[in-house]
Amino acid sequence: MAYDEESARRYREMCRIIGDVVIAMVAEGHETRKDAIADVLRTEMTKGSKKWDPEQLQLIEFAVELLEE
């Protein structure tokens, strides 16, 4: 897989994870501010390899960094 294809795949996966979090937050009646989304993602990171594979954890960490910019 070419670097650009791999980058695009990882970006799509990161967006999917964020989208899933936002949809779940809306369903539960929570606000979807950047800081709130980042908090949920940080909580998910604490579940570690019990729930997420290493690549997903890396993407979640990157998503948190982007949301905190």
PDB file of N, CA and C in Angstrom:
ATOM      1  N   MET A   1       0.848  -1.172   0.000  1.00  0.00           N
ATOM      2  CA  MET A   1       0.000   0.000   0.000  1.00  0.00           C
ATOM      3  C   MET A   1       0.898   1.241   0.000  1.00  0.00           C
ATOM      4  N   ALA A   2       0.620   2.157  -0.876  1.00  0.00           N
ATOM      5  CA  ALA A   2       1.405   3.381  -0.976  1.00  0.00           C
ATOM      6  C   ALA A   2       1.184   4.245   0.266  1.00  0.00           C
ATOM      7  N   TYR A   3       2.160   5.095   0.539  1.00  0.00           N
ATOM      8  CA  TYR A   3       2.085   5.963   1.716  1.00  0.00           C
ATOM      9  C   TYR A   3       0.809   6.796   1.696  1.00  0.00           C
ATOM     10  N   ASP A   4       0.481   7.392   0.566  1.00  0.00           N
ATOM     11  CA  ASP A   4      -0.724   8.230   0.492  1.00  0.00           C
ATOM     12  C   ASP A   4      -1.983   7.424   0.768  1.00  0.00           C
ATOM     13  N   GLU A   5      -2.040   6.198   0.266  1.00  0.00           N
ATOM     14  CA  GLU A   5      -3.198   5.346   0.519  1.00  0.00           C
ATOM     15  C   GLU A   5      -3.292   4.991   2.001  1.00  0.00           C
ATOM     16  N   GLU A   6      -2.149   4.698   2.594  1.00  0.00           N
ATOM     17  CA  GLU A   6      -2.121   4.360   4.019  1.00  0.00           C
ATOM     18  C   GLU A   6      -2.535   5.560   4.865  1.00  0.00           C
ATOM     19  N   SER A   7      -2.048   6.727   4.522  1.00  0.00           N
ATOM     20  CA  SER A   7      -2.425   7.945   5.252  1.00  0.00           C
ATOM     21  C   SER A   7      -3.922   8.197   5.133  1.00  0.00           C
ATOM     22  N   ALA A   8      -4.458   8.021   3.946  1.00  0.00           N
ATOM     23  CA  ALA A   8      -5.894   8.232   3.726  1.00  0.00           C
ATOM     24  C   ALA A   8      -6.710   7.219   4.523  1.00  0.00           C
ATOM     25  N   ARG A   9      -6.256   5.970   4.567  1.00  0.00           N
ATOM     26  CA  ARG A   9      -6.960   4.938   5.315  1.00  0.00           C
ATOM     27  C   ARG A   9      -6.968   5.265   6.813  1.00  0.00           C
ATOM     28  N   ARG A  10      -5.815   5.688   7.327  1.00  0.00           N
ATOM     29  CA  ARG A  10      -5.722   6.039   8.745  1.00  0.00           C
ATOM     30  C   ARG A  10      -6.588   7.258   9.071  1.00  0.00           C
ATOM     31  N   TYR A  11      -6.618   8.229   8.173  1.00  0.00           N
ATOM     32  CA  TYR A  11      -7.451   9.418   8.381  1.00  0.00           C
ATOM     33  C   TYR A  11      -8.933   9.026   8.420  1.00  0.00           C
ATOM     34  N   ARG A  12      -9.350   8.154   7.494  1.00  0.00           N
ATOM     35  CA  ARG A  12     -10.752   7.705   7.482  1.00  0.00           C
ATOM     36  C   ARG A  12     -11.101   6.982   8.779  1.00  0.00           C
ATOM     37  N   GLU A  13     -10.178   6.153   9.270  1.00  0.00           N
ATOM     38  CA  GLU A  13     -10.424   5.427  10.516  1.00  0.00           C
ATOM     39  C   GLU A  13     -10.521   6.404  11.686  1.00  0.00           C
ATOM     40  N   MET A  14      -9.664   7.405  11.725  1.00  0.00           N
ATOM     41  CA  MET A  14      -9.726   8.406  12.784  1.00  0.00           C
ATOM     42  C   MET A  14     -11.076   9.133  12.729  1.00  0.00           C
ATOM     43  N   CYS A  15     -11.504   9.516  11.547  1.00  0.00           N
ATOM     44  CA  CYS A  15     -12.793  10.200  11.393  1.00  0.00           C
ATOM     45  C   CYS A  15     -13.950   9.298  11.798  1.00  0.00           C
ATOM     46  N   ARG A  16     -13.846   8.005  11.501  1.00  0.00           N
ATOM     47  CA  ARG A  16     -14.893   7.054  11.882  1.00  0.00           C
ATOM     48  C   ARG A  16     -15.004   6.973  13.398  1.00  0.00           C
ATOM     49  N   ILE A  17     -13.863   6.906  14.075  1.00  0.00           N
ATOM     50  CA  ILE A  17     -13.860   6.827  15.538  1.00  0.00           C
ATOM     51  C   ILE A  17     -14.480   8.089  16.130  1.00  0.00           C
ATOM     52  N   ILE A  18     -14.065   9.253  15.650  1.00  0.00           N
ATOM     53  CA  ILE A  18     -14.624  10.510  16.150  1.00  0.00           C
ATOM     54  C   ILE A  18     -16.115  10.568  15.867  1.00  0.00           C
ATOM     55  N   GLY A  19     -16.515  10.182  14.664  1.00  0.00           N
ATOM     56  CA  GLY A  19     -17.934  10.189  14.303  1.00  0.00           C
ATOM     57  C   GLY A  19     -18.757   9.288  15.211  1.00  0.00           C
ATOM     58  N   ASP A  20     -18.232   8.102  15.516  1.00  0.00           N
ATOM     59  CA  ASP A  20     -18.932   7.192  16.418  1.00  0.00           C
ATOM     60  C   ASP A  20     -19.125   7.819  17.793  1.00  0.00           C
ATOM     61  N   VAL A  21     -18.090   8.500  18.274  1.00  0.00           N
ATOM     62  CA  VAL A  21     -18.171   9.163  19.578  1.00  0.00           C
ATOM     63  C   VAL A  21     -19.229  10.271  19.540  1.00  0.00           C
ATOM     64  N   VAL A  22     -19.211  11.083  18.507  1.00  0.00           N
ATOM     65  CA  VAL A  22     -20.172  12.188  18.395  1.00  0.00           C
ATOM     66  C   VAL A  22     -21.601  11.651  18.336  1.00  0.00           C
ATOM     67  N   ILE A  23     -21.824  10.619  17.539  1.00  0.00           N
ATOM     68  CA  ILE A  23     -23.165  10.039  17.432  1.00  0.00           C
ATOM     69  C   ILE A  23     -23.628   9.501  18.779  1.00  0.00           C
ATOM     70  N   ALA A  24     -22.744   8.818  19.502  1.00  0.00           N
ATOM     71  CA  ALA A  24     -23.098   8.293  20.818  1.00  0.00           C
ATOM     72  C   ALA A  24     -23.391   9.425  21.801  1.00  0.00           C
ATOM     73  N   MET A  25     -22.613  10.495  21.743  1.00  0.00           N
ATOM     74  CA  MET A  25     -22.835  11.633  22.631  1.00  0.00           C
ATOM     75  C   MET A  25     -24.186  12.285  22.354  1.00  0.00           C
ATOM     76  N   VAL A  26     -24.520  12.467  21.093  1.00  0.00           N
ATOM     77  CA  VAL A  26     -25.805  13.067  20.726  1.00  0.00           C
ATOM     78  C   VAL A  26     -26.950  12.169  21.188  1.00  0.00           C
ATOM     79  N   ALA A  27     -26.803  10.872  20.986  1.00  0.00           N
ATOM     80  CA  ALA A  27     -27.841   9.927  21.392  1.00  0.00           C
ATOM     81  C   ALA A  27     -28.100   9.973  22.895  1.00  0.00           C
ATOM     82  N   GLU A  28     -27.054  10.263  23.662  1.00  0.00           N
ATOM     83  CA  GLU A  28     -27.178  10.349  25.119  1.00  0.00           C
ATOM     84  C   GLU A  28     -27.545  11.750  25.602  1.00  0.00           C
ATOM     85  N   GLY A  29     -27.685  12.701  24.667  1.00  0.00           N
ATOM     86  CA  GLY A  29     -28.082  14.057  25.027  1.00  0.00           C
ATOM     87  C   GLY A  29     -26.947  14.942  25.509  1.00  0.00           C
ATOM     88  N   HIS A  30     -25.697  14.556  25.222  1.00  0.00           N
ATOM     89  CA  HIS A  30     -24.542  15.346  25.646  1.00  0.00           C
ATOM     90  C   HIS A  30     -24.176  16.377  24.590  1.00  0.00           C
ATOM     91  N   GLU A  31     -23.560  17.456  25.043  1.00  0.00           N
ATOM     92  CA  GLU A  31     -23.040  18.450  24.107  1.00  0.00           C
ATOM     93  C   GLU A  31     -21.847  17.868  23.366  1.00  0.00           C
ATOM     94  N   THR A  32     -21.645  18.340  22.137  1.00  0.00           N
ATOM     95  CA  THR A  32     -20.556  17.807  21.315  1.00  0.00           C
ATOM     96  C   THR A  32     -19.496  18.876  21.050  1.00  0.00           C
ATOM     97  N   ARG A  33     -19.119  19.580  22.101  1.00  0.00           N
ATOM     98  CA  ARG A  33     -18.018  20.542  21.984  1.00  0.00           C
ATOM     99  C   ARG A  33     -16.707  19.782  21.816  1.00  0.00           C
ATOM    100  N   LYS A  34     -15.720  20.451  21.248  1.00  0.00           N
ATOM    101  CA  LYS A  34     -14.417  19.824  21.017  1.00  0.00           C
ATOM    102  C   LYS A  34     -13.828  19.251  22.298  1.00  0.00           C
ATOM    103  N   ASP A  35     -13.901  20.010  23.387  1.00  0.00           N
ATOM    104  CA  ASP A  35     -13.307  19.536  24.637  1.00  0.00           C
ATOM    105  C   ASP A  35     -14.058  18.331  25.188  1.00  0.00           C
ATOM    106  N   ALA A  36     -15.365  18.286  25.005  1.00  0.00           N
ATOM    107  CA  ALA A  36     -16.154  17.143  25.477  1.00  0.00           C
ATOM    108  C   ALA A  36     -15.828  15.891  24.659  1.00  0.00           C
ATOM    109  N   ILE A  37     -15.676  16.057  23.354  1.00  0.00           N
ATOM    110  CA  ILE A  37     -15.312  14.924  22.496  1.00  0.00           C
ATOM    111  C   ILE A  37     -13.935  14.406  22.889  1.00  0.00           C
ATOM    112  N   ALA A  38     -12.997  15.325  23.113  1.00  0.00           N
ATOM    113  CA  ALA A  38     -11.646  14.932  23.517  1.00  0.00           C
ATOM    114  C   ALA A  38     -11.674  14.191  24.850  1.00  0.00           C
ATOM    115  N   ASP A  39     -12.520  14.620  25.780  1.00  0.00           N
ATOM    116  CA  ASP A  39     -12.635  13.931  27.073  1.00  0.00           C
ATOM    117  C   ASP A  39     -13.120  12.491  26.900  1.00  0.00           C
ATOM    118  N   VAL A  40     -14.123  12.306  26.046  1.00  0.00           N
ATOM    119  CA  VAL A  40     -14.627  10.952  25.796  1.00  0.00           C
ATOM    120  C   VAL A  40     -13.530  10.097  25.170  1.00  0.00           C
ATOM    121  N   LEU A  41     -12.805  10.663  24.210  1.00  0.00           N
ATOM    122  CA  LEU A  41     -11.723   9.913  23.569  1.00  0.00           C
ATOM    123  C   LEU A  41     -10.632   9.544  24.573  1.00  0.00           C
ATOM    124  N   ARG A  42     -10.301  10.457  25.491  1.00  0.00           N
ATOM    125  CA  ARG A  42      -9.309  10.151  26.522  1.00  0.00           C
ATOM    126  C   ARG A  42      -9.787   8.996  27.402  1.00  0.00           C
ATOM    127  N   THR A  43     -11.068   9.015  27.738  1.00  0.00           N
ATOM    128  CA  THR A  43     -11.641   7.924  28.528  1.00  0.00           C
ATOM    129  C   THR A  43     -11.525   6.608  27.774  1.00  0.00           C
ATOM    130  N   GLU A  44     -11.806   6.639  26.480  1.00  0.00           N
ATOM    131  CA  GLU A  44     -11.681   5.433  25.661  1.00  0.00           C
ATOM    132  C   GLU A  44     -10.239   4.934  25.630  1.00  0.00           C
ATOM    133  N   MET A  45      -9.286   5.861  25.596  1.00  0.00           N
ATOM    134  CA  MET A  45      -7.878   5.465  25.577  1.00  0.00           C
ATOM    135  C   MET A  45      -7.504   4.693  26.836  1.00  0.00           C
ATOM    136  N   THR A  46      -8.145   5.003  27.966  1.00  0.00           N
ATOM    137  CA  THR A  46      -7.813   4.307  29.212  1.00  0.00           C
ATOM    138  C   THR A  46      -8.229   2.839  29.169  1.00  0.00           C
ATOM    139  N   LYS A  47      -9.147   2.496  28.267  1.00  0.00           N
ATOM    140  CA  LYS A  47      -9.576   1.098  28.121  1.00  0.00           C
ATOM    141  C   LYS A  47      -8.516   0.277  27.401  1.00  0.00           C
ATOM    142  N   GLY A  48      -7.611   0.984  26.716  1.00  0.00           N
ATOM    143  CA  GLY A  48      -6.442   0.362  26.101  1.00  0.00           C
ATOM    144  C   GLY A  48      -6.744  -0.817  25.202  1.00  0.00           C
ATOM    145  N   SER A  49      -5.855  -1.798  25.258  1.00  0.00           N
ATOM    146  CA  SER A  49      -5.923  -2.940  24.345  1.00  0.00           C
ATOM    147  C   SER A  49      -7.085  -3.880  24.655  1.00  0.00           C
ATOM    148  N   LYS A  50      -7.802  -3.639  25.753  1.00  0.00           N
ATOM    149  CA  LYS A  50      -8.992  -4.437  26.038  1.00  0.00           C
ATOM    150  C   LYS A  50     -10.068  -4.167  24.992  1.00  0.00           C
ATOM    151  N   LYS A  51     -10.066  -2.942  24.474  1.00  0.00           N
ATOM    152  CA  LYS A  51     -11.101  -2.544  23.514  1.00  0.00           C
ATOM    153  C   LYS A  51     -10.520  -2.151  22.162  1.00  0.00           C
ATOM    154  N   TRP A  52      -9.345  -1.541  22.145  1.00  0.00           N
ATOM    155  CA  TRP A  52      -8.784  -0.955  20.933  1.00  0.00           C
ATOM    156  C   TRP A  52      -7.475  -1.639  20.552  1.00  0.00           C
ATOM    157  N   ASP A  53      -7.248  -1.759  19.242  1.00  0.00           N
ATOM    158  CA  ASP A  53      -5.945  -2.276  18.819  1.00  0.00           C
ATOM    159  C   ASP A  53      -4.933  -1.128  18.856  1.00  0.00           C
ATOM    160  N   PRO A  54      -3.639  -1.426  18.814  1.00  0.00           N
ATOM    161  CA  PRO A  54      -2.611  -0.383  18.953  1.00  0.00           C
ATOM    162  C   PRO A  54      -2.741   0.754  17.935  1.00  0.00           C
ATOM    163  N   GLU A  55      -3.086   0.431  16.700  1.00  0.00           N
ATOM    164  CA  GLU A  55      -3.238   1.490  15.697  1.00  0.00           C
ATOM    165  C   GLU A  55      -4.408   2.407  16.043  1.00  0.00           C
ATOM    166  N   GLN A  56      -5.518   1.836  16.492  1.00  0.00           N
ATOM    167  CA  GLN A  56      -6.661   2.664  16.870  1.00  0.00           C
ATOM    168  C   GLN A  56      -6.314   3.560  18.050  1.00  0.00           C
ATOM    169  N   LEU A  57      -5.574   3.041  19.011  1.00  0.00           N
ATOM    170  CA  LEU A  57      -5.159   3.871  20.147  1.00  0.00           C
ATOM    171  C   LEU A  57      -4.312   5.054  19.682  1.00  0.00           C
ATOM    172  N   GLN A  58      -3.425   4.799  18.732  1.00  0.00           N
ATOM    173  CA  GLN A  58      -2.595   5.868  18.181  1.00  0.00           C
ATOM    174  C   GLN A  58      -3.463   6.912  17.474  1.00  0.00           C
ATOM    175  N   LEU A  59      -4.461   6.462  16.731  1.00  0.00           N
ATOM    176  CA  LEU A  59      -5.347   7.391  16.032  1.00  0.00           C
ATOM    177  C   LEU A  59      -6.209   8.184  17.010  1.00  0.00           C
ATOM    178  N   ILE A  60      -6.652   7.546  18.081  1.00  0.00           N
ATOM    179  CA  ILE A  60      -7.429   8.256  19.094  1.00  0.00           C
ATOM    180  C   ILE A  60      -6.568   9.336  19.735  1.00  0.00           C
ATOM    181  N   GLU A  61      -5.324   9.001  20.043  1.00  0.00           N
ATOM    182  CA  GLU A  61      -4.409   9.986  20.626  1.00  0.00           C
ATOM    183  C   GLU A  61      -4.199  11.166  19.672  1.00  0.00           C
ATOM    184  N   PHE A  62      -4.039  10.875  18.393  1.00  0.00           N
ATOM    185  CA  PHE A  62      -3.880  11.935  17.398  1.00  0.00           C
ATOM    186  C   PHE A  62      -5.146  12.782  17.308  1.00  0.00           C
ATOM    187  N   ALA A  63      -6.305  12.154  17.365  1.00  0.00           N
ATOM    188  CA  ALA A  63      -7.563  12.890  17.317  1.00  0.00           C
ATOM    189  C   ALA A  63      -7.686  13.838  18.499  1.00  0.00           C
ATOM    190  N   VAL A  64      -7.296  13.382  19.685  1.00  0.00           N
ATOM    191  CA  VAL A  64      -7.333  14.239  20.879  1.00  0.00           C
ATOM    192  C   VAL A  64      -6.419  15.452  20.667  1.00  0.00           C
ATOM    193  N   GLU A  65      -5.234  15.203  20.150  1.00  0.00           N
ATOM    194  CA  GLU A  65      -4.304  16.317  19.899  1.00  0.00           C
ATOM    195  C   GLU A  65      -4.914  17.327  18.931  1.00  0.00           C
ATOM    196  N   LEU A  66      -5.542  16.851  17.879  1.00  0.00           N
ATOM    197  CA  LEU A  66      -6.167  17.760  16.912  1.00  0.00           C
ATOM    198  C   LEU A  66      -7.302  18.553  17.530  1.00  0.00           C
ATOM    199  N   LEU A  67      -8.117  17.891  18.345  1.00  0.00           N
ATOM    200  CA  LEU A  67      -9.237  18.567  18.989  1.00  0.00           C
ATOM    201  C   LEU A  67      -8.767  19.614  19.990  1.00  0.00           C
ATOM    202  N   GLU A  68      -7.601  19.432  20.564  1.00  0.00           N
ATOM    203  CA  GLU A  68      -7.083  20.373  21.555  1.00  0.00           C
ATOM    204  C   GLU A  68      -6.342  21.559  20.946  1.00  0.00           C
ATOM    205  N   GLU A  69      -6.162  21.546  19.645  1.00  0.00           N
ATOM    206  CA  GLU A  69      -5.454  22.669  18.993  1.00  0.00           C
ATOM    207  C   GLU A  69      -6.284  23.933  19.035  1.00  0.00           C
TER     208      GLU A  69
END
